[in-house]
């Protein structure tokens, strides 16, 4: 049985979109190194329950461990220092589910 994928689920409010671009440029290296793949990157959304932020992101990694390792990497920690002054983020790093699905 293969290892479950890992995911970052992020909700973000950006106060300075121009400065945020520096974070986006800096996160490219660690995301590539750890096999990240964007499944959701902004886009239209509805928020029928609970709270929300203005931007939603879901990133898939080849494994839960890769998702954790990416966040803890020196390159990503450097990117955080660019993002932190110009945004507020809620981030969950979660293991994917590989079990049975409804109706199947």
PDB file of N, CA and C in Angstrom:
ATOM      1  N   UNK A   1       0.841  -1.187   0.000  1.00  0.00           N
ATOM      2  CA  UNK A   1       0.000   0.000   0.000  1.00  0.00           C
ATOM      3  C   UNK A   1       0.879   1.241   0.000  1.00  0.00           C
ATOM      4  N   UNK A   2       0.573   2.204  -0.838  1.00  0.00           N
ATOM      5  CA  UNK A   2       1.395   3.398  -0.930  1.00  0.00           C
ATOM      6  C   UNK A   2       1.040   4.403   0.165  1.00  0.00           C
ATOM      7  N   UNK A   3       1.988   5.255   0.440  1.00  0.00           N
ATOM      8  CA  UNK A   3       1.800   6.292   1.455  1.00  0.00           C
ATOM      9  C   UNK A   3       0.770   7.314   0.970  1.00  0.00           C
ATOM     10  N   UNK A   4      -0.052   7.816   1.890  1.00  0.00           N
ATOM     11  CA  UNK A   4      -1.046   8.824   1.534  1.00  0.00           C
ATOM     12  C   UNK A   4      -0.363  10.142   1.190  1.00  0.00           C
ATOM     13  N   UNK A   5      -0.990  10.868   0.290  1.00  0.00           N
ATOM     14  CA  UNK A   5      -0.494  12.193  -0.069  1.00  0.00           C
ATOM     15  C   UNK A   5      -0.685  13.137   1.105  1.00  0.00           C
ATOM     16  N   UNK A   6       0.008  14.255   1.044  1.00  0.00           N
ATOM     17  CA  UNK A   6      -0.136  15.303   2.048  1.00  0.00           C
ATOM     18  C   UNK A   6      -0.672  16.558   1.391  1.00  0.00           C
ATOM     19  N   UNK A   7      -1.339  17.384   2.180  1.00  0.00           N
ATOM     20  CA  UNK A   7      -1.952  18.603   1.650  1.00  0.00           C
ATOM     21  C   UNK A   7      -1.719  19.777   2.583  1.00  0.00           C
ATOM     22  N   UNK A   8      -1.557  20.931   1.981  1.00  0.00           N
ATOM     23  CA  UNK A   8      -1.642  22.186   2.708  1.00  0.00           C
ATOM     24  C   UNK A   8      -2.995  22.781   2.343  1.00  0.00           C
ATOM     25  N   UNK A   9      -3.752  23.162   3.346  1.00  0.00           N
ATOM     26  CA  UNK A   9      -4.998  23.880   3.136  1.00  0.00           C
ATOM     27  C   UNK A   9      -4.814  25.234   3.812  1.00  0.00           C
ATOM     28  N   UNK A  10      -4.811  26.281   2.993  1.00  0.00           N
ATOM     29  CA  UNK A  10      -4.522  27.622   3.516  1.00  0.00           C
ATOM     30  C   UNK A  10      -5.644  28.584   3.165  1.00  0.00           C
ATOM     31  N   UNK A  11      -5.912  29.465   4.114  1.00  0.00           N
ATOM     32  CA  UNK A  11      -6.838  30.585   3.910  1.00  0.00           C
ATOM     33  C   UNK A  11      -6.024  31.832   4.215  1.00  0.00           C
ATOM     34  N   UNK A  12      -6.020  32.795   3.300  1.00  0.00           N
ATOM     35  CA  UNK A  12      -5.096  33.922   3.398  1.00  0.00           C
ATOM     36  C   UNK A  12      -5.805  35.245   3.133  1.00  0.00           C
ATOM     37  N   UNK A  13      -5.455  36.258   3.912  1.00  0.00           N
ATOM     38  CA  UNK A  13      -5.788  37.654   3.615  1.00  0.00           C
ATOM     39  C   UNK A  13      -4.470  38.361   3.337  1.00  0.00           C
ATOM     40  N   UNK A  14      -4.385  39.036   2.211  1.00  0.00           N
ATOM     41  CA  UNK A  14      -3.166  39.737   1.802  1.00  0.00           C
ATOM     42  C   UNK A  14      -3.415  41.242   1.882  1.00  0.00           C
ATOM     43  N   UNK A  15      -2.563  41.953   2.640  1.00  0.00           N
ATOM     44  CA  UNK A  15      -2.735  43.396   2.785  1.00  0.00           C
ATOM     45  C   UNK A  15      -1.921  44.194   1.772  1.00  0.00           C
ATOM     46  N   UNK A  16      -0.877  43.600   1.201  1.00  0.00           N
ATOM     47  CA  UNK A  16      -0.042  44.284   0.213  1.00  0.00           C
ATOM     48  C   UNK A  16       0.286  43.313  -0.930  1.00  0.00           C
ATOM     49  N   UNK A  17      -0.566  43.271  -1.958  1.00  0.00           N
ATOM     50  CA  UNK A  17      -0.367  42.315  -3.045  1.00  0.00           C
ATOM     51  C   UNK A  17       0.986  42.449  -3.758  1.00  0.00           C
ATOM     52  N   UNK A  18       1.501  43.653  -3.883  1.00  0.00           N
ATOM     53  CA  UNK A  18       2.808  43.835  -4.533  1.00  0.00           C
ATOM     54  C   UNK A  18       3.912  43.159  -3.742  1.00  0.00           C
ATOM     55  N   UNK A  19       3.941  43.382  -2.441  1.00  0.00           N
ATOM     56  CA  UNK A  19       4.978  42.773  -1.602  1.00  0.00           C
ATOM     57  C   UNK A  19       4.786  41.259  -1.493  1.00  0.00           C
ATOM     58  N   UNK A  20       3.542  40.803  -1.562  1.00  0.00           N
ATOM     59  CA  UNK A  20       3.239  39.380  -1.495  1.00  0.00           C
ATOM     60  C   UNK A  20       3.883  38.626  -2.657  1.00  0.00           C
ATOM     61  N   UNK A  21       4.087  39.312  -3.775  1.00  0.00           N
ATOM     62  CA  UNK A  21       4.732  38.688  -4.938  1.00  0.00           C
ATOM     63  C   UNK A  21       6.132  38.184  -4.596  1.00  0.00           C
ATOM     64  N   UNK A  22       6.824  38.844  -3.670  1.00  0.00           N
ATOM     65  CA  UNK A  22       8.159  38.381  -3.255  1.00  0.00           C
ATOM     66  C   UNK A  22       8.057  37.022  -2.569  1.00  0.00           C
ATOM     67  N   UNK A  23       7.015  36.824  -1.777  1.00  0.00           N
ATOM     68  CA  UNK A  23       6.777  35.526  -1.139  1.00  0.00           C
ATOM     69  C   UNK A  23       6.503  34.457  -2.188  1.00  0.00           C
ATOM     70  N   UNK A  24       5.648  34.768  -3.155  1.00  0.00           N
ATOM     71  CA  UNK A  24       5.311  33.805  -4.211  1.00  0.00           C
ATOM     72  C   UNK A  24       6.574  33.394  -4.966  1.00  0.00           C
ATOM     73  N   UNK A  25       7.439  34.348  -5.270  1.00  0.00           N
ATOM     74  CA  UNK A  25       8.693  34.023  -5.962  1.00  0.00           C
ATOM     75  C   UNK A  25       9.585  33.146  -5.091  1.00  0.00           C
ATOM     76  N   UNK A  26       9.638  33.441  -3.792  1.00  0.00           N
ATOM     77  CA  UNK A  26      10.511  32.695  -2.879  1.00  0.00           C
ATOM     78  C   UNK A  26       9.997  31.287  -2.587  1.00  0.00           C
ATOM     79  N   UNK A  27       8.684  31.069  -2.633  1.00  0.00           N
ATOM     80  CA  UNK A  27       8.182  29.734  -2.308  1.00  0.00           C
ATOM     81  C   UNK A  27       8.319  28.756  -3.466  1.00  0.00           C
ATOM     82  N   UNK A  28       8.627  29.242  -4.654  1.00  0.00           N
ATOM     83  CA  UNK A  28       8.737  28.364  -5.825  1.00  0.00           C
ATOM     84  C   UNK A  28       9.818  27.292  -5.635  1.00  0.00           C
ATOM     85  N   UNK A  29      10.947  27.662  -5.059  1.00  0.00           N
ATOM     86  CA  UNK A  29      12.049  26.698  -4.890  1.00  0.00           C
ATOM     87  C   UNK A  29      11.673  25.557  -3.937  1.00  0.00           C
ATOM     88  N   UNK A  30      11.210  25.850  -2.707  1.00  0.00           N
ATOM     89  CA  UNK A  30      10.851  24.728  -1.838  1.00  0.00           C
ATOM     90  C   UNK A  30       9.652  23.932  -2.361  1.00  0.00           C
ATOM     91  N   UNK A  31       8.690  24.582  -2.988  1.00  0.00           N
ATOM     92  CA  UNK A  31       7.559  23.836  -3.529  1.00  0.00           C
ATOM     93  C   UNK A  31       8.028  22.855  -4.598  1.00  0.00           C
ATOM     94  N   UNK A  32       8.924  23.275  -5.467  1.00  0.00           N
ATOM     95  CA  UNK A  32       9.455  22.377  -6.495  1.00  0.00           C
ATOM     96  C   UNK A  32      10.252  21.235  -5.860  1.00  0.00           C
ATOM     97  N   UNK A  33      11.057  21.569  -4.848  1.00  0.00           N
ATOM     98  CA  UNK A  33      11.912  20.562  -4.206  1.00  0.00           C
ATOM     99  C   UNK A  33      11.100  19.466  -3.521  1.00  0.00           C
ATOM    100  N   UNK A  34       9.926  19.801  -3.010  1.00  0.00           N
ATOM    101  CA  UNK A  34       9.117  18.828  -2.267  1.00  0.00           C
ATOM    102  C   UNK A  34       7.926  18.308  -3.066  1.00  0.00           C
ATOM    103  N   UNK A  35       7.885  18.586  -4.355  1.00  0.00           N
ATOM    104  CA  UNK A  35       6.865  17.995  -5.231  1.00  0.00           C
ATOM    105  C   UNK A  35       5.477  18.593  -5.080  1.00  0.00           C
ATOM    106  N   UNK A  36       5.390  19.863  -4.701  1.00  0.00           N
ATOM    107  CA  UNK A  36       4.087  20.504  -4.506  1.00  0.00           C
ATOM    108  C   UNK A  36       3.360  20.685  -5.826  1.00  0.00           C
ATOM    109  N   UNK A  37       2.034  20.568  -5.750  1.00  0.00           N
ATOM    110  CA  UNK A  37       1.183  20.777  -6.916  1.00  0.00           C
ATOM    111  C   UNK A  37      -0.074  21.509  -6.456  1.00  0.00           C
ATOM    112  N   UNK A  38      -0.325  22.683  -7.036  1.00  0.00           N
ATOM    113  CA  UNK A  38      -1.503  23.461  -6.657  1.00  0.00           C
ATOM    114  C   UNK A  38      -2.762  22.803  -7.200  1.00  0.00           C
ATOM    115  N   UNK A  39      -3.715  22.546  -6.319  1.00  0.00           N
ATOM    116  CA  UNK A  39      -5.039  22.059  -6.706  1.00  0.00           C
ATOM    117  C   UNK A  39      -6.039  23.213  -6.710  1.00  0.00           C
ATOM    118  N   UNK A  40      -5.852  24.136  -5.784  1.00  0.00           N
ATOM    119  CA  UNK A  40      -6.667  25.348  -5.684  1.00  0.00           C
ATOM    120  C   UNK A  40      -5.703  26.491  -5.426  1.00  0.00           C
ATOM    121  N   UNK A  41      -5.856  27.567  -6.188  1.00  0.00           N
ATOM    122  CA  UNK A  41      -4.983  28.735  -6.008  1.00  0.00           C
ATOM    123  C   UNK A  41      -5.818  29.981  -6.264  1.00  0.00           C
ATOM    124  N   UNK A  42      -6.492  30.456  -5.202  1.00  0.00           N
ATOM    125  CA  UNK A  42      -7.413  31.569  -5.374  1.00  0.00           C
ATOM    126  C   UNK A  42      -8.718  31.042  -5.954  1.00  0.00           C
ATOM    127  N   UNK A  43      -9.293  31.776  -6.854  1.00  0.00           N
ATOM    128  CA  UNK A  43     -10.507  31.328  -7.523  1.00  0.00           C
ATOM    129  C   UNK A  43     -11.774  31.725  -6.782  1.00  0.00           C
ATOM    130  N   UNK A  44     -12.867  31.606  -7.478  1.00  0.00           N
ATOM    131  CA  UNK A  44     -14.178  31.925  -6.907  1.00  0.00           C
ATOM    132  C   UNK A  44     -14.532  30.923  -5.827  1.00  0.00           C
ATOM    133  N   UNK A  45     -15.261  31.397  -4.813  1.00  0.00           N
ATOM    134  CA  UNK A  45     -15.713  30.494  -3.758  1.00  0.00           C
ATOM    135  C   UNK A  45     -16.943  31.052  -3.077  1.00  0.00           C
ATOM    136  N   UNK A  46     -17.666  30.168  -2.435  1.00  0.00           N
ATOM    137  CA  UNK A  46     -18.765  30.521  -1.547  1.00  0.00           C
ATOM    138  C   UNK A  46     -18.381  30.075  -0.153  1.00  0.00           C
ATOM    139  N   UNK A  47     -18.886  30.741   0.847  1.00  0.00           N
ATOM    140  CA  UNK A  47     -18.589  30.403   2.228  1.00  0.00           C
ATOM    141  C   UNK A  47     -19.903  30.236   2.985  1.00  0.00           C
ATOM    142  N   UNK A  48     -20.612  29.094   2.764  1.00  0.00           N
ATOM    143  CA  UNK A  48     -21.935  28.926   3.354  1.00  0.00           C
ATOM    144  C   UNK A  48     -21.935  28.734   4.860  1.00  0.00           C
ATOM    145  N   UNK A  49     -20.783  28.380   5.444  1.00  0.00           N
ATOM    146  CA  UNK A  49     -20.734  28.190   6.896  1.00  0.00           C
ATOM    147  C   UNK A  49     -19.387  28.651   7.419  1.00  0.00           C
ATOM    148  N   UNK A  50     -19.372  29.181   8.635  1.00  0.00           N
ATOM    149  CA  UNK A  50     -18.131  29.544   9.299  1.00  0.00           C
ATOM    150  C   UNK A  50     -17.507  30.812   8.748  1.00  0.00           C
ATOM    151  N   UNK A  51     -16.264  31.021   9.131  1.00  0.00           N
ATOM    152  CA  UNK A  51     -15.543  32.222   8.724  1.00  0.00           C
ATOM    153  C   UNK A  51     -14.755  31.964   7.443  1.00  0.00           C
ATOM    154  N   UNK A  52     -14.226  33.025   6.869  1.00  0.00           N
ATOM    155  CA  UNK A  52     -13.418  32.876   5.661  1.00  0.00           C
ATOM    156  C   UNK A  52     -12.358  33.967   5.580  1.00  0.00           C
ATOM    157  N   UNK A  53     -11.428  33.761   4.704  1.00  0.00           N
ATOM    158  CA  UNK A  53     -10.450  34.770   4.314  1.00  0.00           C
ATOM    159  C   UNK A  53     -10.622  34.991   2.815  1.00  0.00           C
ATOM    160  N   UNK A  54      -9.944  35.963   2.267  1.00  0.00           N
ATOM    161  CA  UNK A  54     -10.192  36.351   0.875  1.00  0.00           C
ATOM    162  C   UNK A  54      -9.590  35.403  -0.157  1.00  0.00           C
ATOM    163  N   UNK A  55      -8.627  34.585   0.239  1.00  0.00           N
ATOM    164  CA  UNK A  55      -7.934  33.709  -0.715  1.00  0.00           C
ATOM    165  C   UNK A  55      -7.827  32.315  -0.115  1.00  0.00           C
ATOM    166  N   UNK A  56      -8.085  31.296  -0.931  1.00  0.00           N
ATOM    167  CA  UNK A  56      -7.995  29.906  -0.500  1.00  0.00           C
ATOM    168  C   UNK A  56      -7.010  29.162  -1.391  1.00  0.00           C
ATOM    169  N   UNK A  57      -6.208  28.294  -0.774  1.00  0.00           N
ATOM    170  CA  UNK A  57      -5.194  27.548  -1.510  1.00  0.00           C
ATOM    171  C   UNK A  57      -5.178  26.113  -0.989  1.00  0.00           C
ATOM    172  N   UNK A  58      -5.115  25.143  -1.903  1.00  0.00           N
ATOM    173  CA  UNK A  58      -4.904  23.739  -1.550  1.00  0.00           C
ATOM    174  C   UNK A  58      -3.721  23.255  -2.383  1.00  0.00           C
ATOM    175  N   UNK A  59      -2.701  22.754  -1.700  1.00  0.00           N
ATOM    176  CA  UNK A  59      -1.492  22.269  -2.352  1.00  0.00           C
ATOM    177  C   UNK A  59      -1.315  20.804  -2.006  1.00  0.00           C
ATOM    178  N   UNK A  60      -1.095  19.988  -3.028  1.00  0.00           N
ATOM    179  CA  UNK A  60      -0.892  18.554  -2.850  1.00  0.00           C
ATOM    180  C   UNK A  60       0.605  18.237  -2.883  1.00  0.00           C
ATOM    181  N   UNK A  61       1.020  17.339  -1.987  1.00  0.00           N
ATOM    182  CA  UNK A  61       2.397  16.850  -1.937  1.00  0.00           C
ATOM    183  C   UNK A  61       2.378  15.338  -2.120  1.00  0.00           C
ATOM    184  N   UNK A  62       3.479  14.748  -2.578  1.00  0.00           N
ATOM    185  CA  UNK A  62       3.486  13.306  -2.811  1.00  0.00           C
ATOM    186  C   UNK A  62       3.278  12.475  -1.549  1.00  0.00           C
ATOM    187  N   UNK A  63       3.542  13.072  -0.372  1.00  0.00           N
ATOM    188  CA  UNK A  63       3.329  12.371   0.897  1.00  0.00           C
ATOM    189  C   UNK A  63       3.088  13.399   2.000  1.00  0.00           C
ATOM    190  N   UNK A  64       2.517  12.926   3.083  1.00  0.00           N
ATOM    191  CA  UNK A  64       2.322  13.779   4.264  1.00  0.00           C
ATOM    192  C   UNK A  64       3.671  14.266   4.776  1.00  0.00           C
ATOM    193  N   UNK A  65       4.673  13.377   4.782  1.00  0.00           N
ATOM    194  CA  UNK A  65       5.998  13.768   5.260  1.00  0.00           C
ATOM    195  C   UNK A  65       6.607  14.866   4.386  1.00  0.00           C
ATOM    196  N   UNK A  66       6.427  14.781   3.081  1.00  0.00           N
ATOM    197  CA  UNK A  66       6.935  15.831   2.188  1.00  0.00           C
ATOM    198  C   UNK A  66       6.258  17.168   2.482  1.00  0.00           C
ATOM    199  N   UNK A  67       4.953  17.134   2.786  1.00  0.00           N
ATOM    200  CA  UNK A  67       4.234  18.366   3.125  1.00  0.00           C
ATOM    201  C   UNK A  67       4.796  18.992   4.393  1.00  0.00           C
ATOM    202  N   UNK A  68       5.069  18.162   5.392  1.00  0.00           N
ATOM    203  CA  UNK A  68       5.666  18.659   6.639  1.00  0.00           C
ATOM    204  C   UNK A  68       7.081  19.171   6.401  1.00  0.00           C
ATOM    205  N   UNK A  69       7.876  18.379   5.675  1.00  0.00           N
ATOM    206  CA  UNK A  69       9.272  18.749   5.433  1.00  0.00           C
ATOM    207  C   UNK A  69       9.380  20.061   4.666  1.00  0.00           C
ATOM    208  N   UNK A  70       8.490  20.289   3.720  1.00  0.00           N
ATOM    209  CA  UNK A  70       8.505  21.538   2.967  1.00  0.00           C
ATOM    210  C   UNK A  70       8.314  22.728   3.898  1.00  0.00           C
ATOM    211  N   UNK A  71       7.306  22.652   4.767  1.00  0.00           N
ATOM    212  CA  UNK A  71       7.036  23.769   5.676  1.00  0.00           C
ATOM    213  C   UNK A  71       8.236  24.027   6.592  1.00  0.00           C
ATOM    214  N   UNK A  72       8.875  22.965   7.054  1.00  0.00           N
ATOM    215  CA  UNK A  72      10.001  23.097   7.981  1.00  0.00           C
ATOM    216  C   UNK A  72      11.320  23.442   7.292  1.00  0.00           C
ATOM    217  N   UNK A  73      11.376  23.389   5.968  1.00  0.00           N
ATOM    218  CA  UNK A  73      12.633  23.628   5.251  1.00  0.00           C
ATOM    219  C   UNK A  73      13.118  25.065   5.433  1.00  0.00           C
ATOM    220  N   UNK A  74      14.411  25.234   5.374  1.00  0.00           N
ATOM    221  CA  UNK A  74      15.017  26.568   5.513  1.00  0.00           C
ATOM    222  C   UNK A  74      14.508  27.504   4.412  1.00  0.00           C
ATOM    223  N   UNK A  75      14.363  26.985   3.190  1.00  0.00           N
ATOM    224  CA  UNK A  75      13.890  27.832   2.091  1.00  0.00           C
ATOM    225  C   UNK A  75      12.465  28.322   2.324  1.00  0.00           C
ATOM    226  N   UNK A  76      11.588  27.441   2.834  1.00  0.00           N
ATOM    227  CA  UNK A  76      10.220  27.895   3.070  1.00  0.00           C
ATOM    228  C   UNK A  76      10.153  28.836   4.275  1.00  0.00           C
ATOM    229  N   UNK A  77      10.947  28.582   5.283  1.00  0.00           N
ATOM    230  CA  UNK A  77      10.974  29.485   6.434  1.00  0.00           C
ATOM    231  C   UNK A  77      11.431  30.880   6.013  1.00  0.00           C
ATOM    232  N   UNK A  78      12.362  30.960   5.066  1.00  0.00           N
ATOM    233  CA  UNK A  78      12.781  32.261   4.530  1.00  0.00           C
ATOM    234  C   UNK A  78      11.621  32.927   3.784  1.00  0.00           C
ATOM    235  N   UNK A  79      10.838  32.142   3.045  1.00  0.00           N
ATOM    236  CA  UNK A  79       9.681  32.686   2.331  1.00  0.00           C
ATOM    237  C   UNK A  79       8.638  33.220   3.313  1.00  0.00           C
ATOM    238  N   UNK A  80       8.448  32.526   4.421  1.00  0.00           N
ATOM    239  CA  UNK A  80       7.495  32.991   5.445  1.00  0.00           C
ATOM    240  C   UNK A  80       7.852  34.392   5.924  1.00  0.00           C
ATOM    241  N   UNK A  81       9.130  34.651   6.087  1.00  0.00           N
ATOM    242  CA  UNK A  81       9.560  35.977   6.554  1.00  0.00           C
ATOM    243  C   UNK A  81       9.174  37.077   5.568  1.00  0.00           C
ATOM    244  N   UNK A  82       9.032  36.758   4.305  1.00  0.00           N
ATOM    245  CA  UNK A  82       8.565  37.731   3.315  1.00  0.00           C
ATOM    246  C   UNK A  82       7.046  37.876   3.356  1.00  0.00           C
ATOM    247  N   UNK A  83       6.359  36.782   3.651  1.00  0.00           N
ATOM    248  CA  UNK A  83       4.899  36.786   3.662  1.00  0.00           C
ATOM    249  C   UNK A  83       4.318  37.403   4.925  1.00  0.00           C
ATOM    250  N   UNK A  84       4.914  37.117   6.057  1.00  0.00           N
ATOM    251  CA  UNK A  84       4.316  37.465   7.354  1.00  0.00           C
ATOM    252  C   UNK A  84       3.935  38.937   7.512  1.00  0.00           C
ATOM    253  N   UNK A  85       4.765  39.887   7.075  1.00  0.00           N
ATOM    254  CA  UNK A  85       4.386  41.289   7.294  1.00  0.00           C
ATOM    255  C   UNK A  85       3.201  41.768   6.452  1.00  0.00           C
ATOM    256  N   UNK A  86       2.850  41.037   5.404  1.00  0.00           N
ATOM    257  CA  UNK A  86       1.830  41.525   4.475  1.00  0.00           C
ATOM    258  C   UNK A  86       0.626  40.588   4.338  1.00  0.00           C
ATOM    259  N   UNK A  87       0.496  39.627   5.259  1.00  0.00           N
ATOM    260  CA  UNK A  87      -0.632  38.710   5.158  1.00  0.00           C
ATOM    261  C   UNK A  87      -0.945  38.071   6.505  1.00  0.00           C
ATOM    262  N   UNK A  88      -2.147  37.528   6.575  1.00  0.00           N
ATOM    263  CA  UNK A  88      -2.582  36.713   7.704  1.00  0.00           C
ATOM    264  C   UNK A  88      -3.017  35.388   7.105  1.00  0.00           C
ATOM    265  N   UNK A  89      -2.580  34.280   7.711  1.00  0.00           N
ATOM    266  CA  UNK A  89      -2.851  32.975   7.120  1.00  0.00           C
ATOM    267  C   UNK A  89      -3.311  31.988   8.183  1.00  0.00           C
ATOM    268  N   UNK A  90      -4.238  31.139   7.798  1.00  0.00           N
ATOM    269  CA  UNK A  90      -4.591  29.934   8.558  1.00  0.00           C
ATOM    270  C   UNK A  90      -4.115  28.779   7.683  1.00  0.00           C
ATOM    271  N   UNK A  91      -3.242  27.924   8.221  1.00  0.00           N
ATOM    272  CA  UNK A  91      -2.685  26.829   7.437  1.00  0.00           C
ATOM    273  C   UNK A  91      -2.823  25.526   8.203  1.00  0.00           C
ATOM    274  N   UNK A  92      -3.343  24.519   7.514  1.00  0.00           N
ATOM    275  CA  UNK A  92      -3.413  23.169   8.047  1.00  0.00           C
ATOM    276  C   UNK A  92      -2.598  22.283   7.123  1.00  0.00           C
ATOM    277  N   UNK A  93      -1.725  21.453   7.690  1.00  0.00           N
ATOM    278  CA  UNK A  93      -1.004  20.444   6.923  1.00  0.00           C
ATOM    279  C   UNK A  93      -1.628  19.115   7.324  1.00  0.00           C
ATOM    280  N   UNK A  94      -2.159  18.399   6.349  1.00  0.00           N
ATOM    281  CA  UNK A  94      -2.995  17.244   6.653  1.00  0.00           C
ATOM    282  C   UNK A  94      -2.654  16.055   5.755  1.00  0.00           C
ATOM    283  N   UNK A  95      -2.798  14.879   6.320  1.00  0.00           N
ATOM    284  CA  UNK A  95      -2.590  13.639   5.546  1.00  0.00           C
ATOM    285  C   UNK A  95      -3.836  13.321   4.756  1.00  0.00           C
ATOM    286  N   UNK A  96      -3.660  12.938   3.505  1.00  0.00           N
ATOM    287  CA  UNK A  96      -4.772  12.545   2.654  1.00  0.00           C
ATOM    288  C   UNK A  96      -5.391  11.239   3.102  1.00  0.00           C
ATOM    289  N   UNK A  97      -6.561  10.963   2.566  1.00  0.00           N
ATOM    290  CA  UNK A  97      -7.318   9.762   2.912  1.00  0.00           C
ATOM    291  C   UNK A  97      -7.283   8.799   1.749  1.00  0.00           C
ATOM    292  N   UNK A  98      -6.925   7.561   2.023  1.00  0.00           N
ATOM    293  CA  UNK A  98      -6.846   6.559   0.980  1.00  0.00           C
ATOM    294  C   UNK A  98      -7.793   5.393   1.171  1.00  0.00           C
ATOM    295  N   UNK A  99      -8.776   5.543   2.034  1.00  0.00           N
ATOM    296  CA  UNK A  99      -9.698   4.447   2.337  1.00  0.00           C
ATOM    297  C   UNK A  99     -10.902   4.403   1.416  1.00  0.00           C
ATOM    298  N   UNK A 100     -11.873   3.572   1.779  1.00  0.00           N
ATOM    299  CA  UNK A 100     -13.070   3.408   0.951  1.00  0.00           C
ATOM    300  C   UNK A 100     -13.874   4.705   0.851  1.00  0.00           C
ATOM    301  N   UNK A 101     -14.549   4.848  -0.262  1.00  0.00           N
ATOM    302  CA  UNK A 101     -15.386   6.023  -0.501  1.00  0.00           C
ATOM    303  C   UNK A 101     -16.860   5.622  -0.440  1.00  0.00           C
ATOM    304  N   UNK A 102     -17.741   6.593  -0.185  1.00  0.00           N
ATOM    305  CA  UNK A 102     -19.176   6.287  -0.147  1.00  0.00           C
ATOM    306  C   UNK A 102     -19.640   5.660  -1.465  1.00  0.00           C
ATOM    307  N   UNK A 103     -20.462   4.663  -1.355  1.00  0.00           N
ATOM    308  CA  UNK A 103     -21.024   4.027  -2.533  1.00  0.00           C
ATOM    309  C   UNK A 103     -20.054   3.125  -3.274  1.00  0.00           C
ATOM    310  N   UNK A 104     -18.844   2.957  -2.732  1.00  0.00           N
ATOM    311  CA  UNK A 104     -17.891   2.164  -3.476  1.00  0.00           C
ATOM    312  C   UNK A 104     -17.291   1.162  -2.648  1.00  0.00           C
TER     313      UNK A 104
END
